[in-house]
Amino acid sequence: AASGTIFGINVMGWYRQAPGKQRELVATISGGIT
């Protein structure tokens, strides 16, 4: 859930980080494009 000054957000996404590993992209969505 996003709150605050949300106007202008153009991409939202999910990332993940496993122990001992770098954070990595899982998925993004922008204007309906995933």
Full PDB file with SEQRES, HELIX, SHEET, SSBOND, CRYST1, ORIGX, SCALE, CONECT and MASTER records, all heavy atoms in Angstrom:
SEQRES   1 A   34  ALA ALA SER GLY THR ILE PHE GLY ILE ASN VAL MET GLY          
SEQRES   2 A   34  TRP TYR ARG GLN ALA PRO GLY LYS GLN ARG GLU LEU VAL          
SEQRES   3 A   34  ALA THR ILE SER GLY GLY ILE THR                              
SHEET    1 AA1 2 MET A  12  ARG A  16  0                                        
SHEET    2 AA1 2 GLU A  24  ILE A  29 -1                                        
CRYST1    1.000    1.000    1.000  90.00  90.00  90.00 P 1           1          
ORIGX1      1.000000  0.000000  0.000000        0.00000                         
ORIGX2      0.000000  1.000000  0.000000        0.00000                         
ORIGX3      0.000000  0.000000  1.000000        0.00000                         
SCALE1      1.000000  0.000000  0.000000        0.00000                         
SCALE2      0.000000  1.000000  0.000000        0.00000                         
SCALE3      0.000000  0.000000  1.000000        0.00000                         
ATOM      1  N   ALA A   1       0.835  -1.192   0.000  1.00  0.00           N  
ATOM      2  CA  ALA A   1       0.000   0.000   0.000  1.00  0.00           C  
ATOM      3  C   ALA A   1       0.870   1.242   0.000  1.00  0.00           C  
ATOM      4  O   ALA A   1       1.755   1.392   0.853  1.00  0.00           O  
ATOM      5  CB  ALA A   1      -0.914  -0.013   1.215  1.00  0.00           C  
ATOM      6  N   ALA A   2       0.606   2.125  -0.953  1.00  0.00           N  
ATOM      7  CA  ALA A   2       1.363   3.364  -1.065  1.00  0.00           C  
ATOM      8  C   ALA A   2       0.561   4.516  -0.486  1.00  0.00           C  
ATOM      9  O   ALA A   2      -0.660   4.589  -0.655  1.00  0.00           O  
ATOM     10  CB  ALA A   2       1.698   3.642  -2.517  1.00  0.00           C  
ATOM     11  N   SER A   3       1.248   5.422   0.198  1.00  0.00           N  
ATOM     12  CA  SER A   3       0.601   6.620   0.742  1.00  0.00           C  
ATOM     13  C   SER A   3       1.578   7.783   0.655  1.00  0.00           C  
ATOM     14  O   SER A   3       2.740   7.624   0.296  1.00  0.00           O  
ATOM     15  CB  SER A   3       0.153   6.385   2.182  1.00  0.00           C  
ATOM     16  OG  SER A   3       1.264   6.110   3.008  1.00  0.00           O  
ATOM     17  N   GLY A   4       1.070   8.950   0.996  1.00  0.00           N  
ATOM     18  CA  GLY A   4       1.900  10.140   0.906  1.00  0.00           C  
ATOM     19  C   GLY A   4       1.725  10.814  -0.432  1.00  0.00           C  
ATOM     20  O   GLY A   4       0.649  10.790  -1.016  1.00  0.00           O  
ATOM     21  N   THR A   5       2.814  11.362  -0.950  1.00  0.00           N  
ATOM     22  CA  THR A   5       2.757  12.085  -2.220  1.00  0.00           C  
ATOM     23  C   THR A   5       2.937  11.079  -3.356  1.00  0.00           C  
ATOM     24  O   THR A   5       4.026  10.909  -3.900  1.00  0.00           O  
ATOM     25  CB  THR A   5       3.849  13.161  -2.270  1.00  0.00           C  
ATOM     26  OG1 THR A   5       3.808  13.929  -1.067  1.00  0.00           O  
ATOM     27  CG2 THR A   5       3.634  14.098  -3.458  1.00  0.00           C  
ATOM     28  N   ILE A   6       1.838  10.403  -3.702  1.00  0.00           N  
ATOM     29  CA  ILE A   6       1.924   9.319  -4.678  1.00  0.00           C  
ATOM     30  C   ILE A   6       1.794   9.808  -6.115  1.00  0.00           C  
ATOM     31  O   ILE A   6       2.080   9.055  -7.055  1.00  0.00           O  
ATOM     32  CB  ILE A   6       0.873   8.225  -4.408  1.00  0.00           C  
ATOM     33  CG1 ILE A   6      -0.527   8.812  -4.486  1.00  0.00           C  
ATOM     34  CG2 ILE A   6       1.118   7.580  -3.052  1.00  0.00           C  
ATOM     35  CD1 ILE A   6      -1.620   7.781  -4.387  1.00  0.00           C  
ATOM     36  N   PHE A   7       1.385  11.069  -6.290  1.00  0.00           N  
ATOM     37  CA  PHE A   7       1.278  11.593  -7.652  1.00  0.00           C  
ATOM     38  C   PHE A   7       2.654  11.544  -8.295  1.00  0.00           C  
ATOM     39  O   PHE A   7       3.641  11.969  -7.711  1.00  0.00           O  
ATOM     40  CB  PHE A   7       0.759  13.034  -7.634  1.00  0.00           C  
ATOM     41  CG  PHE A   7       0.716  13.654  -9.007  1.00  0.00           C  
ATOM     42  CD1 PHE A   7      -0.309  13.371  -9.878  1.00  0.00           C  
ATOM     43  CD2 PHE A   7       1.736  14.505  -9.434  1.00  0.00           C  
ATOM     44  CE1 PHE A   7      -0.351  13.922 -11.144  1.00  0.00           C  
ATOM     45  CE2 PHE A   7       1.706  15.069 -10.690  1.00  0.00           C  
ATOM     46  CZ  PHE A   7       0.667  14.774 -11.549  1.00  0.00           C  
ATOM     47  N   GLY A   8       2.674  11.033  -9.518  1.00  0.00           N  
ATOM     48  CA  GLY A   8       3.938  10.992 -10.241  1.00  0.00           C  
ATOM     49  C   GLY A   8       4.653   9.664 -10.192  1.00  0.00           C  
ATOM     50  O   GLY A   8       5.666   9.475 -10.885  1.00  0.00           O  
ATOM     51  N   ILE A   9       4.165   8.731  -9.369  1.00  0.00           N  
ATOM     52  CA  ILE A   9       4.778   7.398  -9.366  1.00  0.00           C  
ATOM     53  C   ILE A   9       4.548   6.773 -10.731  1.00  0.00           C  
ATOM     54  O   ILE A   9       3.413   6.645 -11.177  1.00  0.00           O  
ATOM     55  CB  ILE A   9       4.184   6.505  -8.277  1.00  0.00           C  
ATOM     56  CG1 ILE A   9       4.547   7.030  -6.886  1.00  0.00           C  
ATOM     57  CG2 ILE A   9       4.693   5.068  -8.423  1.00  0.00           C  
ATOM     58  CD1 ILE A   9       3.900   6.258  -5.759  1.00  0.00           C  
ATOM     59  N   ASN A  10       5.618   6.375 -11.402  1.00  0.00           N  
ATOM     60  CA  ASN A  10       5.420   5.806 -12.730  1.00  0.00           C  
ATOM     61  C   ASN A  10       5.773   4.317 -12.804  1.00  0.00           C  
ATOM     62  O   ASN A  10       5.348   3.632 -13.740  1.00  0.00           O  
ATOM     63  CB  ASN A  10       6.215   6.576 -13.780  1.00  0.00           C  
ATOM     64  CG  ASN A  10       7.697   6.626 -13.455  1.00  0.00           C  
ATOM     65  OD1 ASN A  10       8.114   6.309 -12.349  1.00  0.00           O  
ATOM     66  ND2 ASN A  10       8.493   7.020 -14.423  1.00  0.00           N  
ATOM     67  N   VAL A  11       6.518   3.816 -11.860  1.00  0.00           N  
ATOM     68  CA  VAL A  11       6.847   2.388 -11.844  1.00  0.00           C  
ATOM     69  C   VAL A  11       6.729   1.882 -10.413  1.00  0.00           C  
ATOM     70  O   VAL A  11       7.233   2.522  -9.483  1.00  0.00           O  
ATOM     71  CB  VAL A  11       8.275   2.100 -12.352  1.00  0.00           C  
ATOM     72  CG1 VAL A  11       8.537   0.589 -12.374  1.00  0.00           C  
ATOM     73  CG2 VAL A  11       8.494   2.700 -13.721  1.00  0.00           C  
ATOM     74  N   MET A  12       6.064   0.755 -10.259  1.00  0.00           N  
ATOM     75  CA  MET A  12       6.070   0.074  -8.964  1.00  0.00           C  
ATOM     76  C   MET A  12       6.547  -1.351  -9.191  1.00  0.00           C  
ATOM     77  O   MET A  12       6.354  -1.923 -10.271  1.00  0.00           O  
ATOM     78  CB  MET A  12       4.696   0.094  -8.321  1.00  0.00           C  
ATOM     79  CG  MET A  12       4.265   1.488  -7.915  1.00  0.00           C  
ATOM     80  SD  MET A  12       2.856   1.522  -6.805  1.00  0.00           S  
ATOM     81  CE  MET A  12       3.627   0.968  -5.275  1.00  0.00           C  
ATOM     82  N   GLY A  13       7.167  -1.877  -8.175  1.00  0.00           N  
ATOM     83  CA  GLY A  13       7.704  -3.215  -8.370  1.00  0.00           C  
ATOM     84  C   GLY A  13       8.018  -3.932  -7.083  1.00  0.00           C  
ATOM     85  O   GLY A  13       7.853  -3.375  -5.985  1.00  0.00           O  
ATOM     86  N   TRP A  14       8.437  -5.155  -7.250  1.00  0.00           N  
ATOM     87  CA  TRP A  14       8.855  -6.000  -6.142  1.00  0.00           C  
ATOM     88  C   TRP A  14      10.276  -6.470  -6.377  1.00  0.00           C  
ATOM     89  O   TRP A  14      10.644  -6.853  -7.494  1.00  0.00           O  
ATOM     90  CB  TRP A  14       7.935  -7.219  -6.018  1.00  0.00           C  
ATOM     91  CG  TRP A  14       6.555  -6.890  -5.546  1.00  0.00           C  
ATOM     92  CD1 TRP A  14       5.466  -6.626  -6.316  1.00  0.00           C  
ATOM     93  CD2 TRP A  14       6.132  -6.764  -4.187  1.00  0.00           C  
ATOM     94  NE1 TRP A  14       4.381  -6.353  -5.521  1.00  0.00           N  
ATOM     95  CE2 TRP A  14       4.757  -6.440  -4.206  1.00  0.00           C  
ATOM     96  CE3 TRP A  14       6.758  -6.915  -2.951  1.00  0.00           C  
ATOM     97  CZ2 TRP A  14       4.008  -6.255  -3.043  1.00  0.00           C  
ATOM     98  CZ3 TRP A  14       6.024  -6.731  -1.794  1.00  0.00           C  
ATOM     99  CH2 TRP A  14       4.662  -6.410  -1.842  1.00  0.00           C  
ATOM    100  N   TYR A  15      11.057  -6.421  -5.321  1.00  0.00           N  
ATOM    101  CA  TYR A  15      12.413  -6.937  -5.321  1.00  0.00           C  
ATOM    102  C   TYR A  15      12.516  -7.919  -4.160  1.00  0.00           C  
ATOM    103  O   TYR A  15      11.682  -7.916  -3.272  1.00  0.00           O  
ATOM    104  CB  TYR A  15      13.430  -5.805  -5.134  1.00  0.00           C  
ATOM    105  CG  TYR A  15      13.526  -4.867  -6.325  1.00  0.00           C  
ATOM    106  CD1 TYR A  15      12.480  -3.984  -6.623  1.00  0.00           C  
ATOM    107  CD2 TYR A  15      14.644  -4.865  -7.142  1.00  0.00           C  
ATOM    108  CE1 TYR A  15      12.563  -3.138  -7.719  1.00  0.00           C  
ATOM    109  CE2 TYR A  15      14.747  -4.001  -8.230  1.00  0.00           C  
ATOM    110  CZ  TYR A  15      13.695  -3.151  -8.504  1.00  0.00           C  
ATOM    111  OH  TYR A  15      13.784  -2.308  -9.582  1.00  0.00           O  
ATOM    112  N   ARG A  16      13.554  -8.724  -4.179  1.00  0.00           N  
ATOM    113  CA  ARG A  16      13.764  -9.644  -3.062  1.00  0.00           C  
ATOM    114  C   ARG A  16      15.243  -9.790  -2.756  1.00  0.00           C  
ATOM    115  O   ARG A  16      16.084  -9.594  -3.623  1.00  0.00           O  
ATOM    116  CB  ARG A  16      13.148 -11.011  -3.346  1.00  0.00           C  
ATOM    117  CG  ARG A  16      13.818 -11.803  -4.465  1.00  0.00           C  
ATOM    118  CD  ARG A  16      13.018 -13.065  -4.777  1.00  0.00           C  
ATOM    119  NE  ARG A  16      13.652 -13.859  -5.835  1.00  0.00           N  
ATOM    120  CZ  ARG A  16      13.087 -14.942  -6.378  1.00  0.00           C  
ATOM    121  NH1 ARG A  16      11.882 -15.360  -5.968  1.00  0.00           N  
ATOM    122  NH2 ARG A  16      13.718 -15.615  -7.327  1.00  0.00           N  
ATOM    123  N   GLN A  17      15.515 -10.134  -1.502  1.00  0.00           N  
ATOM    124  CA  GLN A  17      16.895 -10.332  -1.081  1.00  0.00           C  
ATOM    125  C   GLN A  17      16.964 -11.551  -0.182  1.00  0.00           C  
ATOM    126  O   GLN A  17      16.346 -11.583   0.886  1.00  0.00           O  
ATOM    127  CB  GLN A  17      17.428  -9.102  -0.349  1.00  0.00           C  
ATOM    128  CG  GLN A  17      18.906  -9.185  -0.029  1.00  0.00           C  
ATOM    129  CD  GLN A  17      19.476  -7.840   0.381  1.00  0.00           C  
ATOM    130  OE1 GLN A  17      18.747  -6.914   0.758  1.00  0.00           O  
ATOM    131  NE2 GLN A  17      20.797  -7.696   0.308  1.00  0.00           N  
ATOM    132  N   ALA A  18      17.700 -12.545  -0.639  1.00  0.00           N  
ATOM    133  CA  ALA A  18      17.920 -13.756   0.146  1.00  0.00           C  
ATOM    134  C   ALA A  18      19.184 -13.573   0.989  1.00  0.00           C  
ATOM    135  O   ALA A  18      20.039 -12.752   0.646  1.00  0.00           O  
ATOM    136  CB  ALA A  18      18.056 -14.958  -0.775  1.00  0.00           C  
ATOM    137  N   PRO A  19      19.325 -14.319   2.066  1.00  0.00           N  
ATOM    138  CA  PRO A  19      20.514 -14.186   2.926  1.00  0.00           C  
ATOM    139  C   PRO A  19      21.800 -14.383   2.134  1.00  0.00           C  
ATOM    140  O   PRO A  19      21.929 -15.344   1.374  1.00  0.00           O  
ATOM    141  CB  PRO A  19      20.325 -15.307   3.950  1.00  0.00           C  
ATOM    142  CG  PRO A  19      18.857 -15.513   4.014  1.00  0.00           C  
ATOM    143  CD  PRO A  19      18.363 -15.280   2.611  1.00  0.00           C  
ATOM    144  N   GLY A  20      22.720 -13.453   2.285  1.00  0.00           N  
ATOM    145  CA  GLY A  20      24.009 -13.547   1.619  1.00  0.00           C  
ATOM    146  C   GLY A  20      23.994 -13.189   0.152  1.00  0.00           C  
ATOM    147  O   GLY A  20      25.017 -13.336  -0.527  1.00  0.00           O  
ATOM    148  N   LYS A  21      22.849 -12.727  -0.351  1.00  0.00           N  
ATOM    149  CA  LYS A  21      22.748 -12.391  -1.772  1.00  0.00           C  
ATOM    150  C   LYS A  21      22.346 -10.938  -1.944  1.00  0.00           C  
ATOM    151  O   LYS A  21      21.842 -10.306  -1.025  1.00  0.00           O  
ATOM    152  CB  LYS A  21      21.736 -13.312  -2.475  1.00  0.00           C  
ATOM    153  CG  LYS A  21      22.156 -14.767  -2.504  1.00  0.00           C  
ATOM    154  CD  LYS A  21      21.207 -15.578  -3.364  1.00  0.00           C  
ATOM    155  CE  LYS A  21      21.649 -17.021  -3.481  1.00  0.00           C  
ATOM    156  NZ  LYS A  21      20.736 -17.814  -4.352  1.00  0.00           N  
ATOM    157  N   GLN A  22      22.566 -10.426  -3.153  1.00  0.00           N  
ATOM    158  CA  GLN A  22      22.167  -9.065  -3.453  1.00  0.00           C  
ATOM    159  C   GLN A  22      20.675  -8.991  -3.700  1.00  0.00           C  
ATOM    160  O   GLN A  22      20.024  -9.976  -4.072  1.00  0.00           O  
ATOM    161  CB  GLN A  22      22.933  -8.569  -4.691  1.00  0.00           C  
ATOM    162  CG  GLN A  22      24.417  -8.326  -4.458  1.00  0.00           C  
ATOM    163  CD  GLN A  22      25.080  -7.638  -5.644  1.00  0.00           C  
ATOM    164  OE1 GLN A  22      24.668  -7.818  -6.788  1.00  0.00           O  
ATOM    165  NE2 GLN A  22      26.099  -6.852  -5.369  1.00  0.00           N  
ATOM    166  N   ARG A  23      20.143  -7.792  -3.492  1.00  0.00           N  
ATOM    167  CA  ARG A  23      18.735  -7.577  -3.798  1.00  0.00           C  
ATOM    168  C   ARG A  23      18.547  -7.700  -5.315  1.00  0.00           C  
ATOM    169  O   ARG A  23      19.346  -7.185  -6.094  1.00  0.00           O  
ATOM    170  CB  ARG A  23      18.295  -6.199  -3.320  1.00  0.00           C  
ATOM    171  CG  ARG A  23      16.810  -5.956  -3.353  1.00  0.00           C  
ATOM    172  CD  ARG A  23      16.437  -4.667  -2.654  1.00  0.00           C  
ATOM    173  NE  ARG A  23      16.785  -4.677  -1.241  1.00  0.00           N  
ATOM    174  CZ  ARG A  23      16.407  -3.729  -0.389  1.00  0.00           C  
ATOM    175  NH1 ARG A  23      15.656  -2.713  -0.809  1.00  0.00           N  
ATOM    176  NH2 ARG A  23      16.773  -3.787   0.874  1.00  0.00           N  
ATOM    177  N   GLU A  24      17.459  -8.386  -5.711  1.00  0.00           N  
ATOM    178  CA  GLU A  24      17.230  -8.607  -7.135  1.00  0.00           C  
ATOM    179  C   GLU A  24      15.791  -8.257  -7.511  1.00  0.00           C  
ATOM    180  O   GLU A  24      14.870  -8.354  -6.691  1.00  0.00           O  
ATOM    181  CB  GLU A  24      17.501 -10.065  -7.509  1.00  0.00           C  
ATOM    182  CG  GLU A  24      16.613 -11.081  -6.840  1.00  0.00           C  
ATOM    183  CD  GLU A  24      16.853 -12.504  -7.316  1.00  0.00           C  
ATOM    184  OE1 GLU A  24      17.774 -12.730  -8.126  1.00  0.00           O  
ATOM    185  OE2 GLU A  24      16.105 -13.397  -6.877  1.00  0.00           O  
ATOM    186  N   LEU A  25      15.635  -7.881  -8.757  1.00  0.00           N  
ATOM    187  CA  LEU A  25      14.321  -7.561  -9.289  1.00  0.00           C  
ATOM    188  C   LEU A  25      13.475  -8.823  -9.382  1.00  0.00           C  
ATOM    189  O   LEU A  25      13.972  -9.876  -9.813  1.00  0.00           O  
ATOM    190  CB  LEU A  25      14.463  -6.943 -10.682  1.00  0.00           C  
ATOM    191  CG  LEU A  25      13.187  -6.764 -11.485  1.00  0.00           C  
ATOM    192  CD1 LEU A  25      12.367  -5.625 -10.912  1.00  0.00           C  
ATOM    193  CD2 LEU A  25      13.503  -6.517 -12.949  1.00  0.00           C  
ATOM    194  N   VAL A  26      12.208  -8.702  -8.986  1.00  0.00           N  
ATOM    195  CA  VAL A  26      11.255  -9.794  -9.169  1.00  0.00           C  
ATOM    196  C   VAL A  26      10.284  -9.429 -10.292  1.00  0.00           C  
ATOM    197  O   VAL A  26      10.117 -10.184 -11.246  1.00  0.00           O  
ATOM    198  CB  VAL A  26      10.483 -10.087  -7.874  1.00  0.00           C  
ATOM    199  CG1 VAL A  26       9.420 -11.155  -8.109  1.00  0.00           C  
ATOM    200  CG2 VAL A  26      11.435 -10.504  -6.753  1.00  0.00           C  
ATOM    201  N   ALA A  27       9.628  -8.269 -10.157  1.00  0.00           N  
ATOM    202  CA  ALA A  27       8.640  -7.854 -11.149  1.00  0.00           C  
ATOM    203  C   ALA A  27       8.385  -6.365 -11.028  1.00  0.00           C  
ATOM    204  O   ALA A  27       8.507  -5.800  -9.934  1.00  0.00           O  
ATOM    205  CB  ALA A  27       7.342  -8.629 -10.973  1.00  0.00           C  
ATOM    206  N   THR A  28       8.039  -5.743 -12.148  1.00  0.00           N  
ATOM    207  CA  THR A  28       7.647  -4.346 -12.141  1.00  0.00           C  
ATOM    208  C   THR A  28       6.394  -4.157 -12.979  1.00  0.00           C  
ATOM    209  O   THR A  28       6.072  -4.997 -13.836  1.00  0.00           O  
ATOM    210  CB  THR A  28       8.746  -3.424 -12.696  1.00  0.00           C  
ATOM    211  OG1 THR A  28       9.010  -3.794 -14.062  1.00  0.00           O  
ATOM    212  CG2 THR A  28      10.016  -3.506 -11.875  1.00  0.00           C  
ATOM    213  N   ILE A  29       5.692  -3.057 -12.703  1.00  0.00           N  
ATOM    214  CA  ILE A  29       4.520  -2.698 -13.487  1.00  0.00           C  
ATOM    215  C   ILE A  29       4.531  -1.199 -13.711  1.00  0.00           C  
ATOM    216  O   ILE A  29       4.749  -0.416 -12.781  1.00  0.00           O  
ATOM    217  CB  ILE A  29       3.217  -3.179 -12.809  1.00  0.00           C  
ATOM    218  CG1 ILE A  29       2.013  -2.903 -13.723  1.00  0.00           C  
ATOM    219  CG2 ILE A  29       3.049  -2.569 -11.431  1.00  0.00           C  
ATOM    220  CD1 ILE A  29       0.749  -3.633 -13.276  1.00  0.00           C  
ATOM    221  N   SER A  30       4.285  -0.812 -14.970  1.00  0.00           N  
ATOM    222  CA  SER A  30       4.287   0.599 -15.329  1.00  0.00           C  
ATOM    223  C   SER A  30       3.270   0.815 -16.425  1.00  0.00           C  
ATOM    224  O   SER A  30       3.416   0.272 -17.518  1.00  0.00           O  
ATOM    225  CB  SER A  30       5.675   1.022 -15.798  1.00  0.00           C  
ATOM    226  OG  SER A  30       5.670   2.361 -16.252  1.00  0.00           O  
ATOM    227  N   GLY A  31       2.212   1.567 -16.102  1.00  0.00           N  
ATOM    228  CA  GLY A  31       1.190   1.839 -17.101  1.00  0.00           C  
ATOM    229  C   GLY A  31       0.576   0.584 -17.695  1.00  0.00           C  
ATOM    230  O   GLY A  31       0.194   0.567 -18.868  1.00  0.00           O  
ATOM    231  N   GLY A  32       0.493  -0.477 -16.897  1.00  0.00           N  
ATOM    232  CA  GLY A  32      -0.084  -1.718 -17.377  1.00  0.00           C  
ATOM    233  C   GLY A  32       0.917  -2.672 -18.008  1.00  0.00           C  
ATOM    234  O   GLY A  32       0.594  -3.832 -18.278  1.00  0.00           O  
ATOM    235  N   ILE A  33       2.119  -2.208 -18.244  1.00  0.00           N  
ATOM    236  CA  ILE A  33       3.164  -3.065 -18.801  1.00  0.00           C  
ATOM    237  C   ILE A  33       3.929  -3.728 -17.666  1.00  0.00           C  
ATOM    238  O   ILE A  33       4.378  -3.048 -16.741  1.00  0.00           O  
ATOM    239  CB  ILE A  33       4.122  -2.252 -19.683  1.00  0.00           C  
ATOM    240  CG1 ILE A  33       3.359  -1.652 -20.852  1.00  0.00           C  
ATOM    241  CG2 ILE A  33       5.277  -3.119 -20.174  1.00  0.00           C  
ATOM    242  CD1 ILE A  33       4.163  -0.697 -21.702  1.00  0.00           C  
ATOM    243  N   THR A  34       4.037  -5.031 -17.740  1.00  0.00           N  
ATOM    244  CA  THR A  34       4.699  -5.787 -16.682  1.00  0.00           C  
ATOM    245  C   THR A  34       6.022  -6.364 -17.157  1.00  0.00           C  
ATOM    246  O   THR A  34       6.225  -6.600 -18.349  1.00  0.00           O  
ATOM    247  CB  THR A  34       3.799  -6.928 -16.177  1.00  0.00           C  
ATOM    248  OG1 THR A  34       3.465  -7.778 -17.284  1.00  0.00           O  
ATOM    249  CG2 THR A  34       2.522  -6.380 -15.554  1.00  0.00           C  
TER     250      THR A  34                                                      
MASTER        0    0    0    0    2    0    0    6  249    1    0    3          
END                                                                             
